[in-house]
Amino acid sequence: MIVVGSGSQPILINILADWKAPMTRKARNPNFEQTLETLRAHAFDVADRGEMAGGVQVSKHGAGAVLAAAADGSVTMVVAPGVLVGGKVSRLIDRGYQKFIKSSQYEAPATASQLHAIHRFTEELKQWTGAASLYNESLGTTSDLYEYDRLKGREAEQPALARPWGASEGH
């Protein structure tokens, strides 16, 4: 019960008397074939990927990704979304100052229209496959590989600093 108002005549409201439990949503877990049919129905191009067993390339807006069936029959993304170059999905590389499109033939700076196509494709793909749409990914295009120039050479082992408190000699 909630008491609303103050003074000589408070109003009592019983929330639980009129409350009805919301209907539970039906779980939307389509299998791999149902997902491919849904994508075809929404103007995605779906093509078998010969070099990858069970892999299916889906594309739209000049971008694409490779999907495969998981062990439980659901959909898993094998190759992250990227621009189609020569009919194959390229990688999106972030070098800190600019994003690049990298394929087996060449590497070139990504244009705004290519990034927009990847972002639009990714959002539509997630919507129709039932994948989780993360906040940071819906703000813009994210890369699957980050290579920053200023970090080159940091992998080398640095000499250990002298630690006087760890000396084994007596005081």
N, C-alpha and C. Protein backbone atom coordinates (compact mmCIF):
# COMPACT_ATOMS: atom_id res chain seq x y z
N MET A 1 0.83 -1.18 0.00
CA MET A 1 0.00 0.00 0.00
C MET A 1 0.88 1.24 0.00
N ILE A 2 0.40 2.22 -0.70
CA ILE A 2 1.09 3.50 -0.76
C ILE A 2 0.13 4.55 -0.24
N VAL A 3 0.61 5.44 0.58
CA VAL A 3 -0.19 6.55 1.10
C VAL A 3 0.18 7.78 0.30
N VAL A 4 -0.81 8.39 -0.36
CA VAL A 4 -0.60 9.58 -1.17
C VAL A 4 -1.29 10.74 -0.47
N GLY A 5 -0.61 11.83 -0.36
CA GLY A 5 -1.19 13.02 0.25
C GLY A 5 -0.97 13.04 1.75
N SER A 6 -1.15 14.18 2.31
CA SER A 6 -1.02 14.33 3.76
C SER A 6 -2.19 15.18 4.25
N GLY A 7 -2.39 15.18 5.50
CA GLY A 7 -3.51 15.95 6.05
C GLY A 7 -4.54 15.03 6.66
N SER A 8 -5.78 15.51 6.69
CA SER A 8 -6.83 14.75 7.37
C SER A 8 -7.35 13.58 6.55
N GLN A 9 -7.26 13.62 5.24
CA GLN A 9 -7.81 12.56 4.39
C GLN A 9 -6.73 11.97 3.48
N PRO A 10 -5.81 11.11 3.97
CA PRO A 10 -4.82 10.49 3.08
C PRO A 10 -5.51 9.48 2.15
N ILE A 11 -4.96 9.35 0.94
CA ILE A 11 -5.50 8.42 -0.05
C ILE A 11 -4.63 7.18 -0.05
N LEU A 12 -5.25 6.02 0.10
CA LEU A 12 -4.53 4.75 0.10
C LEU A 12 -4.69 4.09 -1.26
N ILE A 13 -3.56 3.70 -1.85
CA ILE A 13 -3.59 3.03 -3.15
C ILE A 13 -2.97 1.65 -2.99
N ASN A 14 -3.69 0.66 -3.43
CA ASN A 14 -3.18 -0.70 -3.37
C ASN A 14 -2.65 -1.06 -4.75
N ILE A 15 -1.35 -1.06 -4.92
CA ILE A 15 -0.73 -1.31 -6.21
C ILE A 15 -0.91 -2.77 -6.62
N LEU A 16 -0.75 -3.67 -5.70
CA LEU A 16 -0.75 -5.08 -6.04
C LEU A 16 -2.12 -5.61 -6.45
N ALA A 17 -3.20 -4.95 -6.09
CA ALA A 17 -4.53 -5.45 -6.44
C ALA A 17 -4.76 -5.38 -7.95
N ASP A 18 -4.29 -4.34 -8.60
CA ASP A 18 -4.52 -4.17 -10.03
C ASP A 18 -3.34 -4.64 -10.88
N TRP A 19 -2.29 -5.04 -10.23
CA TRP A 19 -1.07 -5.39 -10.95
C TRP A 19 -1.19 -6.76 -11.58
N LYS A 20 -0.79 -6.86 -12.83
CA LYS A 20 -0.75 -8.14 -13.54
C LYS A 20 0.67 -8.36 -14.02
N ALA A 21 1.11 -9.56 -13.89
CA ALA A 21 2.45 -9.89 -14.34
C ALA A 21 2.51 -9.74 -15.85
N PRO A 22 3.59 -9.14 -16.38
CA PRO A 22 3.70 -9.02 -17.83
C PRO A 22 3.88 -10.39 -18.47
N MET A 23 3.40 -10.49 -19.69
CA MET A 23 3.54 -11.76 -20.40
C MET A 23 5.02 -12.00 -20.70
N THR A 24 5.43 -13.21 -20.56
CA THR A 24 6.81 -13.54 -20.89
C THR A 24 6.96 -13.56 -22.40
N ARG A 25 8.10 -13.06 -22.85
CA ARG A 25 8.36 -13.05 -24.28
C ARG A 25 8.79 -14.43 -24.74
N LYS A 26 8.41 -14.72 -25.94
CA LYS A 26 8.86 -15.98 -26.52
C LYS A 26 10.33 -15.82 -26.89
N ALA A 27 11.11 -16.80 -26.54
CA ALA A 27 12.53 -16.76 -26.87
C ALA A 27 12.68 -16.86 -28.38
N ARG A 28 13.44 -15.93 -28.94
CA ARG A 28 13.67 -15.93 -30.37
C ARG A 28 15.05 -16.52 -30.62
N ASN A 29 15.12 -17.82 -30.73
CA ASN A 29 16.37 -18.51 -30.99
C ASN A 29 16.23 -19.35 -32.25
N PRO A 30 16.21 -18.70 -33.41
CA PRO A 30 16.07 -19.48 -34.63
C PRO A 30 17.33 -20.28 -34.92
N ASN A 31 17.15 -21.38 -35.61
CA ASN A 31 18.34 -22.16 -35.97
C ASN A 31 19.02 -21.49 -37.16
N PHE A 32 20.10 -22.10 -37.61
CA PHE A 32 20.93 -21.50 -38.66
C PHE A 32 20.15 -21.33 -39.96
N GLU A 33 19.43 -22.34 -40.38
CA GLU A 33 18.68 -22.26 -41.65
C GLU A 33 17.56 -21.22 -41.57
N GLN A 34 16.88 -21.13 -40.43
CA GLN A 34 15.83 -20.13 -40.26
C GLN A 34 16.41 -18.72 -40.31
N THR A 35 17.59 -18.56 -39.74
CA THR A 35 18.25 -17.26 -39.77
C THR A 35 18.61 -16.87 -41.20
N LEU A 36 19.12 -17.81 -41.98
CA LEU A 36 19.47 -17.52 -43.37
C LEU A 36 18.23 -17.15 -44.18
N GLU A 37 17.11 -17.82 -43.93
CA GLU A 37 15.86 -17.49 -44.62
C GLU A 37 15.39 -16.09 -44.25
N THR A 38 15.52 -15.73 -42.98
CA THR A 38 15.15 -14.39 -42.53
C THR A 38 16.02 -13.34 -43.21
N LEU A 39 17.32 -13.61 -43.32
CA LEU A 39 18.22 -12.66 -43.97
C LEU A 39 17.89 -12.52 -45.46
N ARG A 40 17.60 -13.63 -46.11
CA ARG A 40 17.20 -13.56 -47.53
C ARG A 40 15.92 -12.74 -47.70
N ALA A 41 14.97 -12.91 -46.78
CA ALA A 41 13.71 -12.18 -46.85
C ALA A 41 13.90 -10.68 -46.65
N HIS A 42 15.00 -10.28 -46.04
CA HIS A 42 15.28 -8.87 -45.81
C HIS A 42 16.39 -8.34 -46.71
N ALA A 43 16.49 -8.88 -47.91
CA ALA A 43 17.35 -8.40 -49.00
C ALA A 43 18.84 -8.58 -48.76
N PHE A 44 19.24 -9.52 -47.91
CA PHE A 44 20.65 -9.86 -47.77
C PHE A 44 21.00 -10.87 -48.86
N ASP A 45 22.19 -10.74 -49.44
CA ASP A 45 22.69 -11.75 -50.37
C ASP A 45 23.35 -12.83 -49.54
N VAL A 46 22.94 -14.08 -49.74
CA VAL A 46 23.47 -15.21 -48.99
C VAL A 46 24.12 -16.16 -49.98
N ALA A 47 25.42 -16.43 -49.79
CA ALA A 47 26.16 -17.31 -50.71
C ALA A 47 27.05 -18.25 -49.91
N ASP A 48 27.12 -19.51 -50.35
CA ASP A 48 28.00 -20.47 -49.69
C ASP A 48 29.44 -20.05 -49.89
N ARG A 49 30.23 -20.33 -48.91
CA ARG A 49 31.65 -20.00 -48.95
C ARG A 49 32.42 -21.30 -49.16
N GLY A 50 32.91 -21.53 -50.35
CA GLY A 50 33.55 -22.79 -50.71
C GLY A 50 34.77 -23.15 -49.90
N GLU A 51 35.62 -22.16 -49.59
CA GLU A 51 36.87 -22.46 -48.88
C GLU A 51 36.67 -22.68 -47.39
N MET A 52 35.49 -22.38 -46.86
CA MET A 52 35.24 -22.56 -45.43
C MET A 52 34.05 -23.51 -45.28
N ALA A 53 34.29 -24.67 -44.70
CA ALA A 53 33.24 -25.67 -44.55
C ALA A 53 32.12 -25.14 -43.66
N GLY A 54 30.91 -25.11 -44.20
CA GLY A 54 29.76 -24.65 -43.43
C GLY A 54 29.62 -23.15 -43.33
N GLY A 55 30.58 -22.40 -43.88
CA GLY A 55 30.53 -20.95 -43.82
C GLY A 55 29.65 -20.38 -44.91
N VAL A 56 28.87 -19.37 -44.56
CA VAL A 56 27.99 -18.71 -45.51
C VAL A 56 28.27 -17.21 -45.45
N GLN A 57 28.54 -16.64 -46.61
CA GLN A 57 28.81 -15.20 -46.67
C GLN A 57 27.50 -14.47 -46.89
N VAL A 58 27.20 -13.51 -46.03
CA VAL A 58 26.03 -12.66 -46.20
C VAL A 58 26.51 -11.25 -46.49
N SER A 59 25.81 -10.55 -47.36
CA SER A 59 26.25 -9.21 -47.73
C SER A 59 25.06 -8.32 -48.04
N LYS A 60 25.29 -7.04 -47.87
CA LYS A 60 24.29 -6.01 -48.17
C LYS A 60 24.98 -4.67 -48.05
N HIS A 61 24.60 -3.69 -48.84
CA HIS A 61 25.16 -2.33 -48.80
C HIS A 61 26.66 -2.30 -49.11
N GLY A 62 27.21 -3.30 -49.80
CA GLY A 62 28.63 -3.32 -50.12
C GLY A 62 29.50 -3.83 -48.98
N ALA A 63 28.88 -4.35 -47.94
CA ALA A 63 29.62 -4.92 -46.81
C ALA A 63 29.15 -6.35 -46.61
N GLY A 64 29.96 -7.14 -45.92
CA GLY A 64 29.59 -8.52 -45.71
C GLY A 64 30.25 -9.12 -44.49
N ALA A 65 29.84 -10.34 -44.16
CA ALA A 65 30.40 -11.10 -43.04
C ALA A 65 30.21 -12.57 -43.37
N VAL A 66 30.91 -13.43 -42.65
CA VAL A 66 30.76 -14.87 -42.84
C VAL A 66 30.15 -15.45 -41.57
N LEU A 67 29.04 -16.17 -41.74
CA LEU A 67 28.35 -16.81 -40.63
C LEU A 67 28.49 -18.32 -40.76
N ALA A 68 28.38 -19.00 -39.63
CA ALA A 68 28.42 -20.46 -39.63
C ALA A 68 27.50 -20.95 -38.52
N ALA A 69 27.14 -22.22 -38.60
CA ALA A 69 26.29 -22.82 -37.57
C ALA A 69 27.16 -23.24 -36.39
N ALA A 70 26.72 -22.88 -35.19
CA ALA A 70 27.42 -23.29 -33.96
C ALA A 70 27.00 -24.71 -33.62
N ALA A 71 27.65 -25.30 -32.63
CA ALA A 71 27.35 -26.68 -32.23
C ALA A 71 25.90 -26.83 -31.77
N ASP A 72 25.33 -25.80 -31.15
CA ASP A 72 23.95 -25.89 -30.66
C ASP A 72 22.92 -25.51 -31.72
N GLY A 73 23.36 -25.23 -32.96
CA GLY A 73 22.45 -24.91 -34.04
C GLY A 73 22.21 -23.43 -34.22
N SER A 74 22.73 -22.60 -33.33
CA SER A 74 22.58 -21.15 -33.46
C SER A 74 23.59 -20.61 -34.46
N VAL A 75 23.59 -19.30 -34.62
CA VAL A 75 24.46 -18.65 -35.59
C VAL A 75 25.68 -18.07 -34.89
N THR A 76 26.84 -18.24 -35.49
CA THR A 76 28.06 -17.62 -34.99
C THR A 76 28.75 -16.89 -36.13
N MET A 77 29.39 -15.77 -35.82
CA MET A 77 30.07 -14.98 -36.83
C MET A 77 31.52 -15.46 -36.92
N VAL A 78 31.91 -15.95 -38.09
CA VAL A 78 33.25 -16.48 -38.29
C VAL A 78 34.21 -15.37 -38.74
N VAL A 79 33.75 -14.53 -39.65
CA VAL A 79 34.54 -13.40 -40.15
C VAL A 79 33.75 -12.14 -39.84
N ALA A 80 34.37 -11.20 -39.14
CA ALA A 80 33.72 -9.95 -38.74
C ALA A 80 33.32 -9.14 -39.96
N PRO A 81 32.31 -8.28 -39.83
CA PRO A 81 31.86 -7.46 -40.95
C PRO A 81 32.97 -6.58 -41.51
N GLY A 82 32.96 -6.45 -42.82
CA GLY A 82 33.93 -5.62 -43.52
C GLY A 82 33.42 -5.31 -44.92
N VAL A 83 34.14 -4.46 -45.62
CA VAL A 83 33.79 -4.09 -46.99
C VAL A 83 34.10 -5.26 -47.91
N LEU A 84 33.27 -5.46 -48.92
CA LEU A 84 33.53 -6.51 -49.91
C LEU A 84 34.55 -6.02 -50.92
N VAL A 85 35.64 -6.75 -51.05
CA VAL A 85 36.69 -6.45 -52.02
C VAL A 85 36.89 -7.70 -52.85
N GLY A 86 36.58 -7.63 -54.13
CA GLY A 86 36.71 -8.80 -54.99
C GLY A 86 35.81 -9.95 -54.56
N GLY A 87 34.65 -9.62 -54.00
CA GLY A 87 33.71 -10.65 -53.57
C GLY A 87 34.02 -11.27 -52.22
N LYS A 88 35.10 -10.84 -51.57
CA LYS A 88 35.47 -11.37 -50.25
C LYS A 88 35.43 -10.26 -49.21
N VAL A 89 35.23 -10.66 -47.96
CA VAL A 89 35.15 -9.70 -46.86
C VAL A 89 36.56 -9.28 -46.46
N SER A 90 36.80 -7.97 -46.42
CA SER A 90 38.10 -7.45 -46.01
C SER A 90 38.08 -7.12 -44.51
N ARG A 91 39.26 -6.91 -43.95
CA ARG A 91 39.38 -6.56 -42.53
C ARG A 91 39.42 -5.06 -42.38
N LEU A 92 38.92 -4.60 -41.25
CA LEU A 92 38.99 -3.19 -40.91
C LEU A 92 40.05 -3.03 -39.82
N ILE A 93 41.08 -2.27 -40.13
CA ILE A 93 42.21 -2.08 -39.22
C ILE A 93 42.22 -0.64 -38.74
N ASP A 94 42.41 -0.45 -37.44
CA ASP A 94 42.49 0.88 -36.85
C ASP A 94 43.94 1.15 -36.49
N ARG A 95 44.51 2.22 -37.05
CA ARG A 95 45.90 2.56 -36.77
C ARG A 95 45.99 3.79 -35.90
N GLY A 96 44.94 4.15 -35.20
CA GLY A 96 44.97 5.28 -34.29
C GLY A 96 44.58 6.58 -34.94
N TYR A 97 45.16 6.89 -36.07
CA TYR A 97 44.86 8.13 -36.76
C TYR A 97 43.88 7.93 -37.90
N GLN A 98 43.72 6.69 -38.37
CA GLN A 98 42.81 6.40 -39.46
C GLN A 98 42.51 4.92 -39.51
N LYS A 99 41.36 4.59 -40.09
CA LYS A 99 41.00 3.20 -40.29
C LYS A 99 41.37 2.81 -41.73
N PHE A 100 41.77 1.54 -41.90
CA PHE A 100 42.18 1.03 -43.19
C PHE A 100 41.39 -0.22 -43.54
N ILE A 101 41.17 -0.41 -44.83
CA ILE A 101 40.55 -1.63 -45.35
C ILE A 101 41.69 -2.49 -45.86
N LYS A 102 41.79 -3.72 -45.36
CA LYS A 102 42.88 -4.60 -45.77
C LYS A 102 42.30 -5.91 -46.32
N SER A 103 42.70 -6.22 -47.54
CA SER A 103 42.32 -7.48 -48.15
C SER A 103 43.59 -8.24 -48.52
N SER A 104 43.44 -9.39 -49.14
CA SER A 104 44.63 -10.15 -49.52
C SER A 104 45.38 -9.47 -50.66
N GLN A 105 44.71 -8.62 -51.45
CA GLN A 105 45.36 -7.95 -52.58
C GLN A 105 45.96 -6.59 -52.22
N TYR A 106 45.27 -5.82 -51.39
CA TYR A 106 45.76 -4.47 -51.13
C TYR A 106 45.29 -3.96 -49.77
N GLU A 107 45.82 -2.79 -49.42
CA GLU A 107 45.41 -2.09 -48.21
C GLU A 107 45.24 -0.63 -48.58
N ALA A 108 44.11 -0.03 -48.17
CA ALA A 108 43.83 1.35 -48.51
C ALA A 108 43.09 2.02 -47.36
N PRO A 109 43.22 3.34 -47.26
CA PRO A 109 42.46 4.05 -46.22
C PRO A 109 40.96 3.88 -46.44
N ALA A 110 40.23 3.70 -45.37
CA ALA A 110 38.78 3.54 -45.45
C ALA A 110 38.12 4.89 -45.66
N THR A 111 37.14 4.92 -46.52
CA THR A 111 36.39 6.14 -46.76
C THR A 111 35.18 6.19 -45.81
N ALA A 112 34.61 7.37 -45.68
CA ALA A 112 33.45 7.54 -44.81
C ALA A 112 32.28 6.68 -45.30
N SER A 113 32.10 6.58 -46.61
CA SER A 113 30.99 5.78 -47.14
C SER A 113 31.20 4.28 -46.85
N GLN A 114 32.43 3.81 -46.89
CA GLN A 114 32.71 2.41 -46.55
C GLN A 114 32.42 2.14 -45.07
N LEU A 115 32.85 3.04 -44.20
CA LEU A 115 32.59 2.88 -42.77
C LEU A 115 31.10 2.92 -42.48
N HIS A 116 30.39 3.80 -43.16
CA HIS A 116 28.94 3.88 -42.99
C HIS A 116 28.27 2.58 -43.45
N ALA A 117 28.74 2.03 -44.57
CA ALA A 117 28.18 0.77 -45.08
C ALA A 117 28.41 -0.38 -44.10
N ILE A 118 29.60 -0.45 -43.53
CA ILE A 118 29.91 -1.50 -42.55
C ILE A 118 29.01 -1.35 -41.32
N HIS A 119 28.88 -0.13 -40.83
CA HIS A 119 28.06 0.12 -39.65
C HIS A 119 26.59 -0.23 -39.90
N ARG A 120 26.07 0.21 -41.02
CA ARG A 120 24.67 -0.08 -41.37
C ARG A 120 24.44 -1.58 -41.52
N PHE A 121 25.35 -2.24 -42.21
CA PHE A 121 25.25 -3.69 -42.39
C PHE A 121 25.28 -4.42 -41.05
N THR A 122 26.21 -4.04 -40.18
CA THR A 122 26.37 -4.69 -38.88
C THR A 122 25.11 -4.55 -38.03
N GLU A 123 24.55 -3.35 -38.00
CA GLU A 123 23.34 -3.13 -37.21
C GLU A 123 22.17 -3.95 -37.74
N GLU A 124 21.99 -4.01 -39.06
CA GLU A 124 20.90 -4.80 -39.63
C GLU A 124 21.12 -6.29 -39.40
N LEU A 125 22.36 -6.73 -39.54
CA LEU A 125 22.68 -8.15 -39.32
C LEU A 125 22.37 -8.55 -37.88
N LYS A 126 22.76 -7.73 -36.93
CA LYS A 126 22.48 -8.03 -35.52
C LYS A 126 20.99 -8.05 -35.24
N GLN A 127 20.27 -7.16 -35.87
CA GLN A 127 18.83 -7.10 -35.66
C GLN A 127 18.15 -8.38 -36.13
N TRP A 128 18.52 -8.88 -37.30
CA TRP A 128 17.83 -10.03 -37.87
C TRP A 128 18.38 -11.37 -37.40
N THR A 129 19.58 -11.39 -36.83
CA THR A 129 20.09 -12.65 -36.29
C THR A 129 19.83 -12.78 -34.80
N GLY A 130 19.38 -11.70 -34.17
CA GLY A 130 19.11 -11.74 -32.74
C GLY A 130 20.35 -11.58 -31.89
N ALA A 131 21.44 -11.11 -32.47
CA ALA A 131 22.68 -10.90 -31.71
C ALA A 131 22.55 -9.66 -30.83
N ALA A 132 23.34 -9.61 -29.79
CA ALA A 132 23.33 -8.46 -28.88
C ALA A 132 23.93 -7.24 -29.57
N SER A 133 23.27 -6.12 -29.42
CA SER A 133 23.77 -4.87 -29.96
C SER A 133 24.36 -4.07 -28.81
N LEU A 134 25.66 -3.88 -28.83
CA LEU A 134 26.35 -3.20 -27.75
C LEU A 134 26.38 -1.69 -27.99
N TYR A 135 26.35 -0.93 -26.90
CA TYR A 135 26.27 0.53 -26.98
C TYR A 135 27.44 1.12 -27.76
N ASN A 136 28.67 0.71 -27.43
CA ASN A 136 29.82 1.31 -28.09
C ASN A 136 29.87 0.96 -29.57
N GLU A 137 29.35 -0.18 -29.95
CA GLU A 137 29.33 -0.56 -31.36
C GLU A 137 28.25 0.18 -32.12
N SER A 138 27.16 0.55 -31.46
CA SER A 138 26.10 1.25 -32.17
C SER A 138 26.41 2.74 -32.34
N LEU A 139 27.45 3.25 -31.67
CA LEU A 139 27.86 4.64 -31.87
C LEU A 139 28.60 4.84 -33.18
N GLY A 140 29.29 3.81 -33.64
CA GLY A 140 30.05 3.92 -34.87
C GLY A 140 30.71 2.60 -35.20
N THR A 141 31.52 2.60 -36.22
CA THR A 141 32.17 1.39 -36.67
C THR A 141 33.35 1.05 -35.77
N THR A 142 33.42 -0.19 -35.33
CA THR A 142 34.55 -0.64 -34.52
C THR A 142 35.41 -1.56 -35.37
N SER A 143 36.70 -1.57 -35.09
CA SER A 143 37.63 -2.39 -35.84
C SER A 143 37.86 -3.71 -35.13
N ASP A 144 38.30 -4.70 -35.88
CA ASP A 144 38.64 -5.97 -35.25
C ASP A 144 40.14 -6.10 -35.00
N LEU A 145 40.92 -5.12 -35.46
CA LEU A 145 42.36 -5.13 -35.24
C LEU A 145 42.83 -3.70 -35.03
N TYR A 146 43.61 -3.49 -33.96
CA TYR A 146 44.13 -2.17 -33.64
C TYR A 146 45.65 -2.23 -33.69
N GLU A 147 46.25 -1.37 -34.53
CA GLU A 147 47.70 -1.30 -34.68
C GLU A 147 48.11 0.17 -34.55
N TYR A 148 48.70 0.52 -33.44
CA TYR A 148 49.12 1.89 -33.22
C TYR A 148 50.62 2.01 -33.38
N ASP A 149 51.08 3.04 -34.13
CA ASP A 149 52.51 3.25 -34.37
C ASP A 149 53.26 3.50 -33.07
N ARG A 150 52.68 4.27 -32.19
CA ARG A 150 53.40 4.65 -30.98
C ARG A 150 53.63 3.47 -30.04
N LEU A 151 52.99 2.35 -30.30
CA LEU A 151 53.17 1.17 -29.46
C LEU A 151 54.21 0.21 -30.02
N LYS A 152 54.70 0.46 -31.23
CA LYS A 152 55.70 -0.42 -31.81
C LYS A 152 56.97 -0.37 -30.98
N GLY A 153 57.55 -1.52 -30.70
CA GLY A 153 58.78 -1.59 -29.94
C GLY A 153 58.57 -1.75 -28.45
N ARG A 154 57.35 -1.61 -27.99
CA ARG A 154 57.09 -1.78 -26.56
C ARG A 154 57.08 -3.25 -26.16
N GLU A 155 57.01 -4.12 -27.14
CA GLU A 155 56.99 -5.54 -26.84
C GLU A 155 58.34 -6.03 -26.33
N ALA A 156 59.43 -5.28 -26.66
CA ALA A 156 60.77 -5.70 -26.25
C ALA A 156 60.88 -5.69 -24.73
N GLU A 157 61.62 -6.63 -24.22
CA GLU A 157 61.82 -6.76 -22.77
C GLU A 157 62.65 -5.60 -22.25
N GLN A 158 62.15 -4.93 -21.24
CA GLN A 158 62.86 -3.82 -20.62
C GLN A 158 63.70 -4.37 -19.47
N PRO A 159 64.89 -3.80 -19.24
CA PRO A 159 65.71 -4.28 -18.12
C PRO A 159 64.99 -4.01 -16.80
N ALA A 160 65.14 -4.95 -15.86
CA ALA A 160 64.51 -4.81 -14.55
C ALA A 160 65.16 -3.68 -13.77
N LEU A 161 64.35 -2.90 -13.09
CA LEU A 161 64.86 -1.80 -12.27
C LEU A 161 65.44 -2.36 -10.98
N ALA A 162 66.46 -1.67 -10.48
CA ALA A 162 67.06 -2.08 -9.21
C ALA A 162 66.06 -1.81 -8.08
N ARG A 163 65.88 -2.79 -7.22
CA ARG A 163 64.94 -2.65 -6.10
C ARG A 163 65.72 -2.85 -4.80
N PRO A 164 66.07 -1.76 -4.13
CA PRO A 164 66.88 -1.87 -2.93
C PRO A 164 66.21 -2.65 -1.82
N TRP A 165 64.89 -2.66 -1.77
CA TRP A 165 64.21 -3.38 -0.70
C TRP A 165 64.23 -4.89 -0.91
N GLY A 166 64.62 -5.31 -2.10
CA GLY A 166 64.67 -6.75 -2.39
C GLY A 166 66.08 -7.31 -2.33
N ALA A 167 67.06 -6.49 -1.92
CA ALA A 167 68.45 -6.95 -1.89
C ALA A 167 68.60 -8.05 -0.84
N SER A 168 69.41 -9.04 -1.17
CA SER A 168 69.58 -10.17 -0.27
C SER A 168 70.67 -9.92 0.79
N GLU A 169 71.47 -8.86 0.62
CA GLU A 169 72.53 -8.57 1.58
C GLU A 169 71.93 -8.03 2.90
N GLY A 170 72.64 -8.20 3.98
CA GLY A 170 72.15 -7.75 5.28
C GLY A 170 72.16 -6.24 5.41
N HIS A 171 71.70 -5.70 6.53
CA HIS A 171 71.64 -4.27 6.72
C HIS A 171 72.80 -3.77 7.46
